[in-house]
Amino acid sequence: HPAASGQELPPEITADEWDDLVGELVRGIGLQTAFSAKGTGGVVEITARDPKPLAGGKFLIYASPVLVHGPIDAPEVLSFSDTVRGDPGTLKGIYIALAGFSDEALSAARDASATVELIDARKLLELVRDQMPARFAELRRYRGFAELV
């Protein structure tokens, strides 16, 4: 544990930086934001559209930078899946969690009633490296990302 050895923990990403990062990533992968809201703890909820003819459609994105509660568990993933299923015209849900997901949550996503993709810090860092290379080094200084080096 770094704090026990006298080293300072890396800073947590701020709510505004998280909001900017998620919004930029959504645009970077070719989606258009139709609606965006910020919740408690920096959580970002986005309704996005893929404008491509035939293949496009609506996506719900839930992105949480919260680390303090630990990995996301199955009930949260299943609740998100129900939201995706209940939203007419939605093709897929994307749940981004800096804290990652429990094994039960990963299993729940596979068996969910709607298509839900789970993105943990490692996968998010890969997406940022591929889509927004200029932000990659900056992200690695934050808690949740710094440990992945």
C-alpha atoms as a PDB file:
ATOM      1  CA  HIS A   1       0.000   0.000   0.000  1.00  0.00           C
ATOM      2  CA  PRO A   2       1.697   3.217  -1.160  1.00  0.00           C
ATOM      3  CA  ALA A   3       0.331   5.421   1.651  1.00  0.00           C
ATOM      4  CA  ALA A   4       1.742   3.083   4.320  1.00  0.00           C
ATOM      5  CA  SER A   5       5.231   3.430   2.830  1.00  0.00           C
ATOM      6  CA  GLY A   6       5.072   7.218   3.036  1.00  0.00           C
ATOM      7  CA  GLN A   7       4.339   7.712  -0.668  1.00  0.00           C
ATOM      8  CA  GLU A   8       1.423   9.899  -1.592  1.00  0.00           C
ATOM      9  CA  LEU A   9      -1.495   8.326  -3.442  1.00  0.00           C
ATOM     10  CA  PRO A  10      -2.069   9.636  -6.975  1.00  0.00           C
ATOM     11  CA  PRO A  11      -4.910  12.191  -7.195  1.00  0.00           C
ATOM     12  CA  GLU A  12      -8.399  11.107  -8.213  1.00  0.00           C
ATOM     13  CA  ILE A  13      -9.726  12.398 -11.516  1.00  0.00           C
ATOM     14  CA  THR A  14     -12.053  15.369 -10.982  1.00  0.00           C
ATOM     15  CA  ALA A  15     -15.715  15.229 -11.979  1.00  0.00           C
ATOM     16  CA  ASP A  16     -15.159  17.826 -14.727  1.00  0.00           C
ATOM     17  CA  GLU A  17     -12.134  16.000 -16.141  1.00  0.00           C
ATOM     18  CA  TRP A  18     -14.080  12.713 -16.092  1.00  0.00           C
ATOM     19  CA  ASP A  19     -17.031  14.353 -17.870  1.00  0.00           C
ATOM     20  CA  ASP A  20     -14.678  15.805 -20.524  1.00  0.00           C
ATOM     21  CA  LEU A  21     -12.885  12.471 -20.955  1.00  0.00           C
ATOM     22  CA  VAL A  22     -16.078  10.443 -21.411  1.00  0.00           C
ATOM     23  CA  GLY A  23     -17.599  13.033 -23.769  1.00  0.00           C
ATOM     24  CA  GLU A  24     -14.427  13.183 -25.851  1.00  0.00           C
ATOM     25  CA  LEU A  25     -14.235   9.392 -26.006  1.00  0.00           C
ATOM     26  CA  VAL A  26     -17.878   9.113 -27.117  1.00  0.00           C
ATOM     27  CA  ARG A  27     -17.174  11.573 -29.951  1.00  0.00           C
ATOM     28  CA  GLY A  28     -13.869   9.831 -30.718  1.00  0.00           C
ATOM     29  CA  ILE A  29     -15.583   6.517 -31.399  1.00  0.00           C
ATOM     30  CA  GLY A  30     -18.031   8.236 -33.752  1.00  0.00           C
ATOM     31  CA  LEU A  31     -21.105   8.632 -31.540  1.00  0.00           C
ATOM     32  CA  GLN A  32     -23.128  11.818 -31.216  1.00  0.00           C
ATOM     33  CA  THR A  33     -24.322  12.874 -27.768  1.00  0.00           C
ATOM     34  CA  ALA A  34     -28.092  13.440 -27.706  1.00  0.00           C
ATOM     35  CA  PHE A  35     -28.319  13.935 -23.922  1.00  0.00           C
ATOM     36  CA  SER A  36     -25.799  14.150 -21.103  1.00  0.00           C
ATOM     37  CA  ALA A  37     -26.245  14.482 -17.341  1.00  0.00           C
ATOM     38  CA  LYS A  38     -23.873  14.562 -14.392  1.00  0.00           C
ATOM     39  CA  GLY A  39     -24.808  12.745 -11.208  1.00  0.00           C
ATOM     40  CA  THR A  40     -23.323  12.408  -7.743  1.00  0.00           C
ATOM     41  CA  GLY A  41     -19.677  11.511  -7.417  1.00  0.00           C
ATOM     42  CA  GLY A  42     -18.906  12.561 -10.989  1.00  0.00           C
ATOM     43  CA  VAL A  43     -21.088   9.880 -12.598  1.00  0.00           C
ATOM     44  CA  VAL A  44     -21.894  10.750 -16.218  1.00  0.00           C
ATOM     45  CA  GLU A  45     -24.974   9.459 -18.048  1.00  0.00           C
ATOM     46  CA  ILE A  46     -25.131   9.863 -21.815  1.00  0.00           C
ATOM     47  CA  THR A  47     -27.670   8.975 -24.457  1.00  0.00           C
ATOM     48  CA  ALA A  48     -25.726   8.766 -27.696  1.00  0.00           C
ATOM     49  CA  ARG A  49     -26.513   7.955 -31.306  1.00  0.00           C
ATOM     50  CA  ASP A  50     -24.451   6.222 -33.934  1.00  0.00           C
ATOM     51  CA  PRO A  51     -25.416   8.137 -37.085  1.00  0.00           C
ATOM     52  CA  LYS A  52     -24.391   5.392 -39.536  1.00  0.00           C
ATOM     53  CA  PRO A  53     -27.239   4.260 -41.786  1.00  0.00           C
ATOM     54  CA  LEU A  54     -28.440   0.676 -41.135  1.00  0.00           C
ATOM     55  CA  ALA A  55     -25.803  -0.110 -38.476  1.00  0.00           C
ATOM     56  CA  GLY A  56     -26.431   2.936 -36.271  1.00  0.00           C
ATOM     57  CA  GLY A  57     -28.800   3.474 -33.384  1.00  0.00           C
ATOM     58  CA  LYS A  58     -29.115   4.602 -29.782  1.00  0.00           C
ATOM     59  CA  PHE A  59     -26.695   3.772 -26.946  1.00  0.00           C
ATOM     60  CA  LEU A  60     -26.964   4.420 -23.223  1.00  0.00           C
ATOM     61  CA  ILE A  61     -23.662   5.111 -21.491  1.00  0.00           C
ATOM     62  CA  TYR A  62     -23.154   5.125 -17.727  1.00  0.00           C
ATOM     63  CA  ALA A  63     -19.673   6.158 -16.600  1.00  0.00           C
ATOM     64  CA  SER A  64     -18.564   6.143 -12.974  1.00  0.00           C
ATOM     65  CA  PRO A  65     -15.192   7.433 -11.727  1.00  0.00           C
ATOM     66  CA  VAL A  66     -16.042   6.351  -8.144  1.00  0.00           C
ATOM     67  CA  LEU A  67     -13.341   4.155  -6.587  1.00  0.00           C
ATOM     68  CA  VAL A  68     -14.272   4.231  -2.898  1.00  0.00           C
ATOM     69  CA  HIS A  69     -16.990   1.520  -3.092  1.00  0.00           C
ATOM     70  CA  GLY A  70     -14.774  -0.952  -4.954  1.00  0.00           C
ATOM     71  CA  PRO A  71     -15.742  -2.972  -8.040  1.00  0.00           C
ATOM     72  CA  ILE A  72     -19.276  -2.744  -9.417  1.00  0.00           C
ATOM     73  CA  ASP A  73     -21.371  -5.793  -8.518  1.00  0.00           C
ATOM     74  CA  ALA A  74     -24.048  -7.782 -10.358  1.00  0.00           C
ATOM     75  CA  PRO A  75     -27.158  -5.901  -9.079  1.00  0.00           C
ATOM     76  CA  GLU A  76     -25.901  -2.596 -10.538  1.00  0.00           C
ATOM     77  CA  VAL A  77     -25.142  -4.244 -13.894  1.00  0.00           C
ATOM     78  CA  LEU A  78     -28.548  -5.962 -13.991  1.00  0.00           C
ATOM     79  CA  SER A  79     -30.304  -2.708 -13.076  1.00  0.00           C
ATOM     80  CA  PHE A  80     -28.465  -0.933 -15.914  1.00  0.00           C
ATOM     81  CA  SER A  81     -29.405  -3.773 -18.277  1.00  0.00           C
ATOM     82  CA  ASP A  82     -33.089  -3.348 -17.325  1.00  0.00           C
ATOM     83  CA  THR A  83     -32.797   0.394 -18.050  1.00  0.00           C
ATOM     84  CA  VAL A  84     -31.290  -0.350 -21.478  1.00  0.00           C
ATOM     85  CA  ARG A  85     -33.986  -2.915 -22.265  1.00  0.00           C
ATOM     86  CA  GLY A  86     -36.753  -0.538 -21.152  1.00  0.00           C
ATOM     87  CA  ASP A  87     -35.526   2.356 -23.306  1.00  0.00           C
ATOM     88  CA  PRO A  88     -37.170   1.996 -26.754  1.00  0.00           C
ATOM     89  CA  GLY A  89     -34.770   1.871 -29.678  1.00  0.00           C
ATOM     90  CA  THR A  90     -31.644   1.375 -27.577  1.00  0.00           C
ATOM     91  CA  LEU A  91     -29.195  -1.059 -29.165  1.00  0.00           C
ATOM     92  CA  LYS A  92     -26.701  -1.360 -26.354  1.00  0.00           C
ATOM     93  CA  GLY A  93     -25.623  -0.129 -22.954  1.00  0.00           C
ATOM     94  CA  ILE A  94     -22.036   0.754 -22.137  1.00  0.00           C
ATOM     95  CA  TYR A  95     -21.102   0.753 -18.450  1.00  0.00           C
ATOM     96  CA  ILE A  96     -17.728   2.363 -17.729  1.00  0.00           C
ATOM     97  CA  ALA A  97     -16.422   1.913 -14.178  1.00  0.00           C
ATOM     98  CA  LEU A  98     -13.013   3.069 -13.058  1.00  0.00           C
ATOM     99  CA  ALA A  99     -13.250   0.668 -10.081  1.00  0.00           C
ATOM    100  CA  GLY A 100     -13.861  -2.308 -12.406  1.00  0.00           C
ATOM    101  CA  PHE A 101     -16.399  -5.111 -12.070  1.00  0.00           C
ATOM    102  CA  SER A 102     -16.737  -8.163  -9.842  1.00  0.00           C
ATOM    103  CA  ASP A 103     -16.763 -11.638 -11.408  1.00  0.00           C
ATOM    104  CA  GLU A 104     -20.503 -11.795 -10.642  1.00  0.00           C
ATOM    105  CA  ALA A 105     -21.029  -8.522 -12.526  1.00  0.00           C
ATOM    106  CA  LEU A 106     -19.127  -9.834 -15.567  1.00  0.00           C
ATOM    107  CA  SER A 107     -21.269 -12.970 -15.511  1.00  0.00           C
ATOM    108  CA  ALA A 108     -24.466 -10.921 -15.074  1.00  0.00           C
ATOM    109  CA  ALA A 109     -23.576  -8.814 -18.121  1.00  0.00           C
ATOM    110  CA  ARG A 110     -23.253 -11.960 -20.250  1.00  0.00           C
ATOM    111  CA  ASP A 111     -26.672 -13.214 -19.101  1.00  0.00           C
ATOM    112  CA  ALA A 112     -28.394  -9.805 -19.036  1.00  0.00           C
ATOM    113  CA  SER A 113     -31.706  -9.078 -20.724  1.00  0.00           C
ATOM    114  CA  ALA A 114     -30.065  -6.410 -22.907  1.00  0.00           C
ATOM    115  CA  THR A 115     -26.655  -6.066 -24.530  1.00  0.00           C
ATOM    116  CA  VAL A 116     -24.360  -4.385 -22.016  1.00  0.00           C
ATOM    117  CA  GLU A 117     -20.644  -3.831 -22.548  1.00  0.00           C
ATOM    118  CA  LEU A 118     -18.540  -3.386 -19.431  1.00  0.00           C
ATOM    119  CA  ILE A 119     -15.440  -1.198 -19.617  1.00  0.00           C
ATOM    120  CA  ASP A 120     -13.028  -1.169 -16.679  1.00  0.00           C
ATOM    121  CA  ALA A 121     -10.035   1.157 -16.173  1.00  0.00           C
ATOM    122  CA  ARG A 122      -7.672  -1.063 -18.193  1.00  0.00           C
ATOM    123  CA  LYS A 123     -10.022  -1.220 -21.197  1.00  0.00           C
ATOM    124  CA  LEU A 124     -10.764   2.506 -20.881  1.00  0.00           C
ATOM    125  CA  LEU A 125      -7.041   3.279 -20.895  1.00  0.00           C
ATOM    126  CA  GLU A 126      -6.659   1.182 -24.087  1.00  0.00           C
ATOM    127  CA  LEU A 127      -9.540   3.051 -25.747  1.00  0.00           C
ATOM    128  CA  VAL A 128      -8.026   6.396 -24.779  1.00  0.00           C
ATOM    129  CA  ARG A 129      -4.600   5.315 -26.090  1.00  0.00           C
ATOM    130  CA  ASP A 130      -6.187   4.292 -29.420  1.00  0.00           C
ATOM    131  CA  GLN A 131      -8.697   7.158 -29.815  1.00  0.00           C
ATOM    132  CA  MET A 132      -7.105  10.078 -27.956  1.00  0.00           C
ATOM    133  CA  PRO A 133      -3.366   9.424 -27.611  1.00  0.00           C
ATOM    134  CA  ALA A 134      -2.727  12.961 -26.339  1.00  0.00           C
ATOM    135  CA  ARG A 135      -4.832  12.232 -23.206  1.00  0.00           C
ATOM    136  CA  PHE A 136      -3.179   8.865 -22.460  1.00  0.00           C
ATOM    137  CA  ALA A 137      -0.164  10.092 -20.436  1.00  0.00           C
ATOM    138  CA  GLU A 138      -2.320  12.611 -18.566  1.00  0.00           C
ATOM    139  CA  LEU A 139      -4.742   9.863 -17.442  1.00  0.00           C
ATOM    140  CA  ARG A 140      -2.007   7.638 -16.100  1.00  0.00           C
ATOM    141  CA  ARG A 141      -1.294  10.108 -13.301  1.00  0.00           C
ATOM    142  CA  TYR A 142      -4.730   9.551 -11.723  1.00  0.00           C
ATOM    143  CA  ARG A 143      -5.718   6.961  -9.153  1.00  0.00           C
ATOM    144  CA  GLY A 144      -7.403   3.999 -10.816  1.00  0.00           C
ATOM    145  CA  PHE A 145      -5.178   4.377 -13.875  1.00  0.00           C
ATOM    146  CA  ALA A 146      -1.744   4.865 -12.284  1.00  0.00           C
ATOM    147  CA  GLU A 147      -1.840   1.343 -10.808  1.00  0.00           C
ATOM    148  CA  LEU A 148      -2.161  -0.172 -14.291  1.00  0.00           C
ATOM    149  CA  VAL A 149       1.316   0.879 -15.436  1.00  0.00           C
END
